[in-house]
N, C-alpha and C. Protein backbone atom coordinates (compact mmCIF):
# COMPACT_ATOMS: atom_id res chain seq x y z
N MET A 1 0.87 -1.08 -0.03
CA MET A 1 -0.10 0.16 -0.18
C MET A 1 0.94 1.19 -0.02
N GLN A 2 0.48 2.12 -0.47
CA GLN A 2 1.23 3.55 -0.60
C GLN A 2 -0.22 4.75 -0.28
N LEU A 3 0.68 5.69 0.44
CA LEU A 3 0.35 6.76 0.87
C LEU A 3 0.89 8.31 0.24
N SER A 4 0.02 8.97 0.03
CA SER A 4 0.68 10.59 -0.67
C SER A 4 0.62 11.19 0.48
N LYS A 5 1.64 12.01 0.29
CA LYS A 5 2.60 12.82 0.89
C LYS A 5 3.66 13.95 0.37
N ASP A 6 3.62 15.31 0.31
CA ASP A 6 4.89 15.82 -0.35
C ASP A 6 5.04 16.00 -1.84
N GLY A 7 3.59 15.27 -2.10
CA GLY A 7 3.86 15.42 -3.56
C GLY A 7 4.07 14.12 -4.25
N ARG A 8 4.59 12.78 -2.95
CA ARG A 8 4.87 11.91 -3.32
C ARG A 8 4.31 10.75 -2.94
N LYS A 9 4.29 9.25 -3.32
CA LYS A 9 3.80 8.55 -2.69
C LYS A 9 4.95 7.92 -2.04
N TRP A 10 4.44 7.02 -0.65
CA TRP A 10 5.26 6.59 0.36
C TRP A 10 4.68 5.10 0.32
N ARG A 11 5.48 4.01 0.36
CA ARG A 11 5.12 2.54 1.13
C ARG A 11 4.85 3.02 2.28
N ILE A 12 3.54 2.10 2.57
CA ILE A 12 3.15 2.01 3.96
C ILE A 12 3.32 0.81 4.71
N GLY A 13 4.26 0.34 5.62
CA GLY A 13 4.46 -0.94 6.14
C GLY A 13 3.62 -1.73 6.79
N ALA A 14 3.62 -3.00 7.04
CA ALA A 14 2.93 -3.97 7.41
C ALA A 14 3.53 -4.69 8.27
N ALA A 15 3.18 -5.85 8.94
CA ALA A 15 3.54 -6.99 10.07
C ALA A 15 4.98 -7.51 9.75
N ALA A 16 4.84 -7.71 8.33
CA ALA A 16 6.55 -8.31 7.69
C ALA A 16 7.35 -7.46 8.02
N GLU A 17 7.40 -6.20 7.79
CA GLU A 17 8.37 -5.42 8.08
C GLU A 17 8.64 -5.13 9.71
N VAL A 18 8.18 -5.32 10.68
CA VAL A 18 8.47 -5.57 11.98
C VAL A 18 8.52 -6.81 12.44
N GLU A 19 8.38 -7.97 11.93
CA GLU A 19 8.01 -9.39 12.61
C GLU A 19 9.32 -9.75 13.46
N TRP A 20 10.61 -8.77 13.18
CA TRP A 20 11.77 -8.88 13.77
C TRP A 20 11.81 -8.51 14.98
N ILE A 21 11.10 -7.38 15.23
CA ILE A 21 10.47 -6.78 16.48
C ILE A 21 9.48 -7.36 17.29
N ALA A 22 8.47 -7.38 16.91
CA ALA A 22 7.25 -8.00 17.32
C ALA A 22 7.59 -9.50 17.68
N GLY A 23 6.84 -9.70 19.12
CA GLY A 23 7.32 -10.67 20.06
C GLY A 23 8.68 -11.03 20.34
N HIS A 24 9.90 -10.30 20.14
CA HIS A 24 10.84 -10.19 20.30
C HIS A 24 11.66 -9.51 21.73
N THR A 25 10.83 -9.13 22.22
CA THR A 25 10.98 -7.85 23.26
C THR A 25 10.40 -8.68 24.77
N THR A 26 11.11 -8.34 25.87
CA THR A 26 10.68 -8.85 27.16
C THR A 26 9.74 -7.89 28.01
N ALA A 27 8.99 -7.99 28.56
CA ALA A 27 8.13 -7.56 29.51
C ALA A 27 9.35 -6.98 30.76
N GLY A 28 9.54 -5.79 31.22
CA GLY A 28 10.35 -5.45 32.22
C GLY A 28 10.91 -4.04 32.29
N THR A 29 12.02 -3.82 33.12
CA THR A 29 12.40 -2.45 32.89
C THR A 29 13.80 -2.41 32.34
N SER A 30 14.35 -3.62 31.63
CA SER A 30 15.60 -3.71 30.61
C SER A 30 15.38 -2.80 29.39
N ILE A 31 16.24 -2.77 28.71
CA ILE A 31 16.55 -2.07 27.31
C ILE A 31 15.82 -3.34 26.52
N THR A 32 15.56 -4.29 26.76
CA THR A 32 14.99 -5.14 25.88
C THR A 32 13.62 -5.27 25.87
N THR A 33 13.00 -4.76 26.86
CA THR A 33 11.50 -4.13 26.86
C THR A 33 11.13 -3.37 25.26
N ALA A 34 12.15 -2.75 24.89
CA ALA A 34 11.96 -2.14 23.87
C ALA A 34 12.81 -2.39 22.33
N ILE A 35 13.76 -2.85 22.77
CA ILE A 35 14.85 -3.19 21.67
C ILE A 35 15.13 -5.00 21.57
N PRO A 36 14.83 -5.83 20.71
CA PRO A 36 15.09 -6.93 20.85
C PRO A 36 16.70 -7.29 21.07
N PRO A 37 16.77 -8.65 21.86
CA PRO A 37 18.06 -8.92 22.33
C PRO A 37 19.09 -9.38 21.11
N ILE A 38 19.16 -8.43 19.99
CA ILE A 38 19.85 -9.00 18.70
C ILE A 38 21.26 -8.24 18.54
N PHE A 39 21.18 -7.20 19.11
CA PHE A 39 22.49 -5.67 18.63
C PHE A 39 23.61 -6.24 19.39
N ASP A 40 24.77 -5.74 19.03
CA ASP A 40 25.99 -5.86 19.73
C ASP A 40 26.10 -4.86 20.66
N ALA A 41 25.27 -3.72 20.79
CA ALA A 41 25.41 -2.71 21.89
C ALA A 41 24.00 -1.99 21.71
N TYR A 42 23.89 -1.44 23.47
CA TYR A 42 22.31 -0.88 23.94
C TYR A 42 23.07 0.27 24.41
N ALA A 43 21.82 1.23 24.49
CA ALA A 43 21.98 2.49 24.94
C ALA A 43 20.65 3.10 25.17
N THR A 44 20.52 4.23 26.07
CA THR A 44 19.35 5.40 26.23
C THR A 44 19.72 6.60 25.88
N THR A 45 18.59 7.27 25.44
CA THR A 45 19.25 8.62 24.78
C THR A 45 17.87 9.76 25.61
N HIS A 46 18.16 10.51 25.90
CA HIS A 46 17.12 11.61 26.25
C HIS A 46 17.62 12.80 26.02
N GLN A 47 16.87 14.13 25.60
CA GLN A 47 17.11 15.43 25.43
C GLN A 47 17.92 15.78 26.96
N PRO A 48 19.14 16.28 26.84
CA PRO A 48 19.72 17.21 27.88
C PRO A 48 19.18 18.45 28.20
N ASP A 49 19.49 18.59 29.60
CA ASP A 49 18.65 19.86 30.24
C ASP A 49 19.44 20.94 29.35
N GLY A 50 19.17 21.96 29.18
CA GLY A 50 19.46 23.17 28.49
C GLY A 50 19.68 23.13 27.17
N VAL A 51 19.08 21.92 26.33
CA VAL A 51 19.32 22.08 24.98
C VAL A 51 18.13 21.93 24.39
N THR A 52 17.80 22.34 23.32
CA THR A 52 16.24 22.51 22.52
C THR A 52 16.14 21.01 21.93
N VAL A 53 14.56 20.83 21.86
CA VAL A 53 14.15 19.59 21.64
C VAL A 53 14.58 19.37 20.16
N ALA A 54 15.04 20.49 19.20
CA ALA A 54 15.24 20.40 17.68
C ALA A 54 16.85 20.19 17.73
N ALA A 55 17.56 20.66 18.61
CA ALA A 55 18.93 20.51 18.66
C ALA A 55 19.12 19.13 19.23
N TYR A 56 18.49 18.43 19.69
CA TYR A 56 18.70 17.13 20.37
C TYR A 56 18.34 16.23 19.17
N GLU A 57 17.18 16.15 18.77
CA GLU A 57 16.82 15.34 17.58
C GLU A 57 17.65 15.67 16.39
N HIS A 58 18.14 16.83 16.40
CA HIS A 58 18.83 16.65 14.70
C HIS A 58 20.41 16.04 15.08
N ALA A 59 20.72 16.21 16.54
CA ALA A 59 22.39 15.55 16.70
C ALA A 59 21.90 13.86 16.82
N LEU A 60 20.66 13.60 17.40
CA LEU A 60 20.76 11.74 17.09
C LEU A 60 20.49 11.50 15.56
N VAL A 61 19.68 12.03 14.74
CA VAL A 61 19.41 11.66 13.41
C VAL A 61 20.80 12.03 12.50
N GLN A 62 21.62 12.87 12.76
CA GLN A 62 22.46 13.30 12.14
C GLN A 62 23.88 12.24 12.69
N ASP A 63 23.77 11.94 13.51
CA ASP A 63 24.68 10.48 14.06
C ASP A 63 24.45 9.17 13.47
N LEU A 64 22.92 9.21 13.60
CA LEU A 64 22.66 7.82 12.77
C LEU A 64 22.83 7.67 11.50
N THR A 65 22.50 8.83 10.51
CA THR A 65 22.82 8.96 9.39
C THR A 65 24.35 8.94 8.85
N ALA A 66 24.85 9.55 9.79
CA ALA A 66 26.32 9.17 9.26
C ALA A 66 26.85 8.12 9.51
N GLN A 67 26.34 7.12 10.36
CA GLN A 67 27.07 5.90 10.56
C GLN A 67 26.01 4.85 9.98
N THR A 68 25.06 5.20 8.67
CA THR A 68 24.05 4.38 8.11
C THR A 68 24.52 4.01 6.69
N PRO A 69 25.05 3.08 5.90
CA PRO A 69 24.79 3.31 4.56
C PRO A 69 23.64 4.10 3.94
N GLU A 70 23.64 5.04 2.73
CA GLU A 70 22.31 5.50 2.29
C GLU A 70 21.47 4.24 2.11
N GLN A 71 20.18 4.34 2.48
CA GLN A 71 19.12 3.56 2.05
C GLN A 71 17.74 4.10 2.67
N PRO A 72 16.78 3.14 2.47
CA PRO A 72 15.41 3.90 3.25
C PRO A 72 15.40 3.67 4.68
N TRP A 73 14.36 4.50 5.49
CA TRP A 73 14.20 3.98 6.76
C TRP A 73 12.91 3.54 7.09
N TRP A 74 12.30 3.10 8.05
CA TRP A 74 11.09 2.77 8.53
C TRP A 74 10.92 3.87 9.50
N LEU A 75 9.83 4.37 9.68
CA LEU A 75 9.23 5.67 10.52
C LEU A 75 7.91 4.90 11.05
N ALA A 76 7.91 4.41 12.67
CA ALA A 76 6.91 4.12 13.09
C ALA A 76 6.07 5.23 13.87
N TYR A 77 4.92 5.50 13.82
CA TYR A 77 4.16 6.54 14.51
C TYR A 77 3.19 6.00 15.60
N LEU A 78 3.10 5.93 16.72
CA LEU A 78 2.36 5.36 17.71
C LEU A 78 0.96 6.22 17.96
N ASP A 79 -0.21 5.25 17.60
CA ASP A 79 -1.38 5.93 17.62
C ASP A 79 -2.15 5.99 19.01
N THR A 80 -1.63 6.76 19.51
CA THR A 80 -2.33 7.27 21.25
C THR A 80 -3.96 7.81 21.30
N GLY A 81 -3.84 8.47 20.10
CA GLY A 81 -5.56 9.20 19.83
C GLY A 81 -5.07 10.52 19.44
N PRO A 82 -4.57 11.73 20.31
CA PRO A 82 -4.28 13.15 20.28
C PRO A 82 -2.69 13.22 19.67
N HIS A 83 -2.18 12.47 19.41
CA HIS A 83 -1.00 12.75 19.06
C HIS A 83 -0.61 12.30 17.31
N ASP A 84 0.16 13.25 16.57
CA ASP A 84 0.38 13.29 15.16
C ASP A 84 0.88 12.07 14.75
N ILE A 85 0.42 11.10 14.01
CA ILE A 85 1.17 10.05 13.30
C ILE A 85 1.27 10.05 11.80
N VAL A 86 0.73 11.18 11.25
CA VAL A 86 1.42 11.55 9.74
C VAL A 86 0.61 11.09 8.82
N PHE A 87 0.05 9.88 9.10
CA PHE A 87 -0.91 9.24 8.06
C PHE A 87 -2.08 8.97 8.80
N PRO A 88 -2.82 9.53 9.04
CA PRO A 88 -4.30 9.17 10.13
C PRO A 88 -4.65 7.87 9.28
N ARG A 89 -4.99 7.93 8.20
CA ARG A 89 -5.61 7.00 7.64
C ARG A 89 -5.33 5.53 7.28
N GLY A 90 -3.62 5.65 7.10
CA GLY A 90 -3.20 4.44 7.26
C GLY A 90 -3.20 3.10 7.98
N PRO A 91 -2.93 1.90 7.46
CA PRO A 91 -3.24 0.70 8.39
C PRO A 91 -2.18 0.85 9.45
N ARG A 92 -2.70 0.04 10.53
CA ARG A 92 -1.80 -0.12 11.56
C ARG A 92 -0.91 -1.55 11.80
N VAL A 93 0.26 -1.35 12.42
CA VAL A 93 1.11 -2.81 12.55
C VAL A 93 0.86 -2.60 14.45
N SER A 94 0.75 -3.72 15.08
CA SER A 94 0.75 -4.22 16.14
C SER A 94 2.30 -4.41 16.67
N LEU A 95 2.71 -3.55 17.59
CA LEU A 95 3.60 -3.99 18.42
C LEU A 95 4.01 -4.07 20.10
N TYR A 96 4.34 -4.37 20.79
CA TYR A 96 4.87 -4.34 22.11
C TYR A 96 3.52 -5.20 22.57
N TRP A 97 2.59 -4.14 23.28
CA TRP A 97 1.81 -4.79 23.87
C TRP A 97 0.23 -4.55 23.12
N ASN A 98 0.67 -5.08 21.71
CA ASN A 98 -0.78 -4.85 20.81
C ASN A 98 -1.00 -2.97 20.43
N TRP A 99 0.13 -2.26 20.81
CA TRP A 99 -0.03 -0.85 20.80
C TRP A 99 0.16 -0.78 18.95
N PRO A 100 -1.10 0.19 18.35
CA PRO A 100 -1.09 0.61 17.12
C PRO A 100 0.10 1.40 16.85
N TYR A 101 0.62 1.20 15.74
CA TYR A 101 1.57 1.92 14.76
C TYR A 101 1.59 1.95 13.60
N VAL A 102 1.63 3.34 12.79
CA VAL A 102 1.52 3.48 11.50
C VAL A 102 3.00 3.62 11.08
N LEU A 103 3.56 2.69 10.07
CA LEU A 103 4.51 2.33 9.40
C LEU A 103 5.03 2.81 8.02
N ILE A 104 5.98 3.73 8.04
CA ILE A 104 6.20 4.15 6.65
C ILE A 104 7.38 3.80 6.21
N GLU A 105 8.00 3.69 4.71
CA GLU A 105 9.30 3.90 4.42
C GLU A 105 9.57 4.91 3.70
N VAL A 106 10.69 5.88 4.01
CA VAL A 106 10.99 7.26 3.70
C VAL A 106 12.53 7.32 4.13
N GLY A 107 13.09 8.54 4.50
CA GLY A 107 14.39 8.68 4.81
C GLY A 107 14.69 9.28 5.76
N PRO A 108 15.99 9.57 6.22
CA PRO A 108 15.97 10.13 7.58
C PRO A 108 15.60 11.75 7.59
N GLU A 109 15.59 12.29 6.36
CA GLU A 109 15.02 13.67 6.70
C GLU A 109 13.60 13.81 6.93
N GLN A 110 12.76 12.79 6.78
CA GLN A 110 10.97 12.77 7.10
C GLN A 110 11.14 12.43 8.65
N ALA A 111 12.22 11.86 9.28
CA ALA A 111 12.44 11.64 10.54
C ALA A 111 12.29 12.78 11.47
N LEU A 112 12.85 14.16 10.64
CA LEU A 112 12.86 15.40 11.49
C LEU A 112 11.56 16.25 11.13
N THR A 113 11.15 16.14 10.11
CA THR A 113 10.40 17.09 9.27
C THR A 113 8.72 16.73 9.44
N TRP A 114 8.52 15.35 9.32
CA TRP A 114 6.92 15.13 9.09
C TRP A 114 5.95 15.25 10.60
N ARG A 115 6.46 15.28 11.63
CA ARG A 115 5.24 14.56 12.87
C ARG A 115 5.73 16.62 13.26
N THR A 116 4.61 16.79 13.72
CA THR A 116 4.33 18.05 14.59
C THR A 116 4.05 17.77 15.90
N GLY A 117 4.81 17.61 16.97
CA GLY A 117 4.67 17.31 18.22
C GLY A 117 4.05 15.62 18.41
N HIS A 118 5.10 15.11 19.48
CA HIS A 118 4.71 14.07 19.96
C HIS A 118 4.58 14.07 21.50
N MET A 119 4.33 13.06 22.22
CA MET A 119 3.97 13.07 23.73
C MET A 119 5.25 13.06 24.22
N ARG A 120 6.47 12.98 24.26
CA ARG A 120 7.63 13.23 25.09
C ARG A 120 8.24 14.60 25.00
N HIS A 121 8.13 15.14 23.84
CA HIS A 121 8.36 16.45 23.46
C HIS A 121 7.59 17.27 23.01
N GLY A 122 6.55 17.98 23.68
CA GLY A 122 5.65 18.77 22.70
C GLY A 122 5.79 19.15 21.37
N ASP A 123 7.03 19.62 21.18
CA ASP A 123 7.39 20.30 19.89
C ASP A 123 8.39 19.37 19.28
N GLY A 124 8.49 18.33 19.59
CA GLY A 124 9.37 17.55 19.07
C GLY A 124 8.73 16.68 17.50
N SER A 125 9.56 16.00 16.88
CA SER A 125 9.28 15.58 15.58
C SER A 125 9.44 14.01 15.44
N LEU A 126 10.79 13.77 16.05
CA LEU A 126 10.92 12.07 15.93
C LEU A 126 9.61 11.22 15.53
N PRO A 127 9.77 10.00 15.23
CA PRO A 127 8.53 9.16 15.30
C PRO A 127 9.14 8.13 16.50
N ASP A 128 8.32 7.42 17.11
CA ASP A 128 8.15 6.91 18.09
C ASP A 128 8.95 5.58 18.01
N LEU A 129 9.37 5.04 16.71
CA LEU A 129 10.28 3.94 16.56
C LEU A 129 10.68 4.25 14.72
N PHE A 130 12.00 3.91 14.97
CA PHE A 130 12.18 3.99 13.96
C PHE A 130 13.87 3.24 13.54
N PHE A 131 14.06 2.59 12.20
CA PHE A 131 15.26 1.64 11.86
C PHE A 131 15.47 1.95 10.29
N PRO A 132 16.79 1.52 9.88
CA PRO A 132 17.43 1.56 8.59
C PRO A 132 16.60 0.27 7.74
N ALA A 133 16.42 0.23 6.34
CA ALA A 133 16.05 -1.03 5.67
C ALA A 133 16.65 -2.39 6.40
N ASP A 134 18.18 -2.05 6.57
CA ASP A 134 19.05 -3.40 6.67
C ASP A 134 18.70 -4.02 8.19
N ARG A 135 18.00 -2.80 8.96
CA ARG A 135 17.89 -3.59 10.56
C ARG A 135 19.16 -3.26 11.12
N SER A 136 20.01 -2.72 10.84
CA SER A 136 21.47 -2.73 11.55
C SER A 136 21.32 -1.85 12.92
N TRP A 137 20.29 -0.97 13.19
CA TRP A 137 19.86 -0.67 14.18
C TRP A 137 18.29 -0.50 14.61
N LEU A 138 17.97 -0.16 15.65
CA LEU A 138 16.71 0.18 15.98
C LEU A 138 16.67 1.57 17.18
N VAL A 139 15.72 2.06 17.05
CA VAL A 139 15.51 3.23 17.94
C VAL A 139 13.94 3.21 18.21
N SER A 140 13.67 3.17 19.70
CA SER A 140 12.52 3.01 20.23
C SER A 140 12.08 3.70 21.38
N ALA A 141 11.07 4.70 21.42
CA ALA A 141 10.24 5.34 22.78
C ALA A 141 9.08 4.73 22.82
N LEU A 142 9.15 4.07 24.44
CA LEU A 142 7.84 3.43 24.56
C LEU A 142 6.98 4.32 25.23
N TRP A 143 5.67 4.50 24.91
CA TRP A 143 4.61 5.52 25.04
C TRP A 143 4.66 6.03 26.57
N ASP A 144 5.13 5.25 27.40
CA ASP A 144 4.87 5.79 28.94
C ASP A 144 6.56 6.31 29.14
N ASP A 145 7.42 6.27 28.59
CA ASP A 145 8.75 6.61 28.54
C ASP A 145 9.47 8.05 28.45
N THR A 146 9.96 8.69 28.96
CA THR A 146 10.66 10.28 28.57
C THR A 146 11.83 9.86 28.01
N TRP A 147 12.57 8.87 27.58
CA TRP A 147 13.91 8.41 27.09
C TRP A 147 13.16 7.83 25.81
N THR A 148 14.62 7.37 25.29
CA THR A 148 14.57 6.66 23.81
C THR A 148 15.47 5.75 24.00
N CYS A 149 15.23 4.09 23.83
CA CYS A 149 16.28 3.39 23.91
C CYS A 149 16.69 2.83 22.24
N LEU A 150 17.86 2.37 22.42
CA LEU A 150 18.42 2.27 21.18
C LEU A 150 19.22 1.15 21.08
N GLY A 151 19.26 0.22 20.02
CA GLY A 151 20.40 -0.88 19.67
C GLY A 151 21.00 -0.58 18.62
N GLY A 152 22.19 -1.51 18.24
CA GLY A 152 22.89 -1.20 17.04
C GLY A 152 24.34 -1.26 17.24
N PRO A 153 25.10 -1.76 16.41
CA PRO A 153 26.52 -1.81 16.25
C PRO A 153 27.69 -0.91 17.40
N GLU A 154 28.46 -1.58 17.64
CA GLU A 154 29.25 -0.60 18.73
C GLU A 154 30.01 0.65 18.29
N PRO A 155 30.18 0.54 16.73
CA PRO A 155 30.69 2.10 16.69
C PRO A 155 29.67 3.28 16.36
N LEU A 156 28.11 2.77 16.24
CA LEU A 156 27.15 3.53 16.34
C LEU A 156 26.98 4.04 17.79
N ILE A 157 27.16 3.27 18.72
CA ILE A 157 26.61 3.57 20.09
C ILE A 157 28.02 4.51 20.49
N ASN A 158 29.00 3.92 20.36
CA ASN A 158 30.08 5.03 20.56
C ASN A 158 29.89 6.48 19.81
N THR A 159 29.64 6.59 18.75
CA THR A 159 29.60 8.01 18.27
C THR A 159 28.23 8.60 18.85
N LEU A 160 27.44 8.16 19.03
CA LEU A 160 26.26 8.68 20.14
C LEU A 160 26.79 9.03 21.45
N GLN A 161 27.93 8.14 22.05
CA GLN A 161 27.95 8.47 23.27
C GLN A 161 29.44 9.86 23.40
N GLN A 162 29.95 10.11 22.01
CA GLN A 162 30.82 11.40 22.33
C GLN A 162 30.20 12.37 21.85
N ASN A 163 28.75 12.31 21.49
CA ASN A 163 27.92 13.62 21.29
C ASN A 163 27.32 14.11 22.38
N PRO A 164 27.76 15.19 22.99
CA PRO A 164 26.92 15.35 24.11
C PRO A 164 25.56 16.02 24.07
N LEU A 165 24.96 16.57 22.66
CA LEU A 165 23.66 16.46 22.08
C LEU A 165 22.98 15.42 22.39
N ALA A 166 23.03 14.40 21.98
CA ALA A 166 22.61 13.33 21.81
C ALA A 166 22.69 12.50 23.50
N ASN A 167 23.13 12.91 24.29
CA ASN A 167 22.82 12.58 25.89
C ASN A 167 22.76 11.03 25.75
N THR A 168 23.72 10.06 25.17
CA THR A 168 23.39 8.58 25.12
C THR A 168 24.26 8.26 26.37
N ARG A 169 23.56 7.20 26.95
CA ARG A 169 24.27 6.47 27.64
C ARG A 169 24.32 4.94 27.69
N ARG A 170 25.36 4.17 27.35
CA ARG A 170 25.29 2.61 27.25
C ARG A 170 24.72 1.85 28.17
N VAL A 171 24.04 0.98 27.66
CA VAL A 171 23.38 0.07 29.17
C VAL A 171 23.55 -1.41 28.39
N ARG A 172 23.60 -2.58 29.54
CA ARG A 172 23.45 -3.79 29.13
C ARG A 172 22.05 -4.50 29.06
N PRO A 173 22.25 -5.27 28.24
CA PRO A 173 20.55 -6.14 27.84
C PRO A 173 19.84 -6.25 29.34
N ASP A 174 20.69 -6.51 30.03
CA ASP A 174 19.88 -7.24 31.51
C ASP A 174 19.51 -5.77 32.34
N GLU A 175 20.44 -4.57 32.07
CA GLU A 175 19.97 -3.52 33.04
C GLU A 175 18.93 -2.69 32.87
N ASP A 176 18.71 -2.01 33.97
CA ASP A 176 17.31 -1.29 34.10
C ASP A 176 17.65 -0.01 32.88
N ALA A 177 16.84 0.42 32.17
CA ALA A 177 17.24 1.21 31.16
C ALA A 177 16.86 2.82 31.34
N LEU A 178 16.15 2.48 32.73
CA LEU A 178 16.00 4.39 33.41
C LEU A 178 17.49 4.89 33.57
N PRO A 179 17.30 6.13 32.41
CA PRO A 179 18.43 7.13 32.86
C PRO A 179 18.58 7.51 34.12
N PRO A 180 19.90 7.71 34.80
CA PRO A 180 19.99 8.55 36.10
C PRO A 180 19.15 9.77 35.72
N GLY A 181 18.63 10.16 37.07
CA GLY A 181 17.90 11.41 37.08
C GLY A 181 16.44 11.63 36.39
N LEU A 182 15.87 10.62 35.89
CA LEU A 182 14.64 10.49 35.15
C LEU A 182 13.84 9.31 36.39
N THR A 183 12.50 9.46 36.00
CA THR A 183 11.73 8.41 37.28
C THR A 183 10.61 8.12 35.82
N ARG A 184 10.33 7.11 36.21
CA ARG A 184 9.22 6.23 35.61
C ARG A 184 8.04 6.94 35.82
N GLU A 185 7.02 6.94 34.74
CA GLU A 185 5.71 7.48 35.03
C GLU A 185 4.84 6.54 35.80
């Protein structure tokens, strides 16, 4: 299925595109609640104090883009009702606890421009979940978390850790993903 936006037709994803995630996470407080235990390295990231949402999100996407060969990205927007999901009439895929997401195959530039506000940062634009077509990394922010989880190759996590705007903290798969100084809702 394809839907139109910005004068182009975009491929809408189905369950097959997220089957590698669905059913492969574990309930709890570890990073594997959001990210399947298939990556070399794991980390959490969140907007640092004193940094704008735009600067934080641009830093994250810039580092992800720099560490990823050119290819399409899958962006997924969680349908919570009041929050922008970009394609409100698009079909949904279920992830985690049967949460409905709209999944679109696009590029990294759409990750920073399509959404107008989301639940973690009122004026942010990032999707709730995104990954490149080769599935070399996964970024996922669960509905009730104020931070974002990611899994990927060691060099990617190292790059993100070196960028103060990305505010990235490495975690082990069995470790509580809650970043220091934040609380659970």
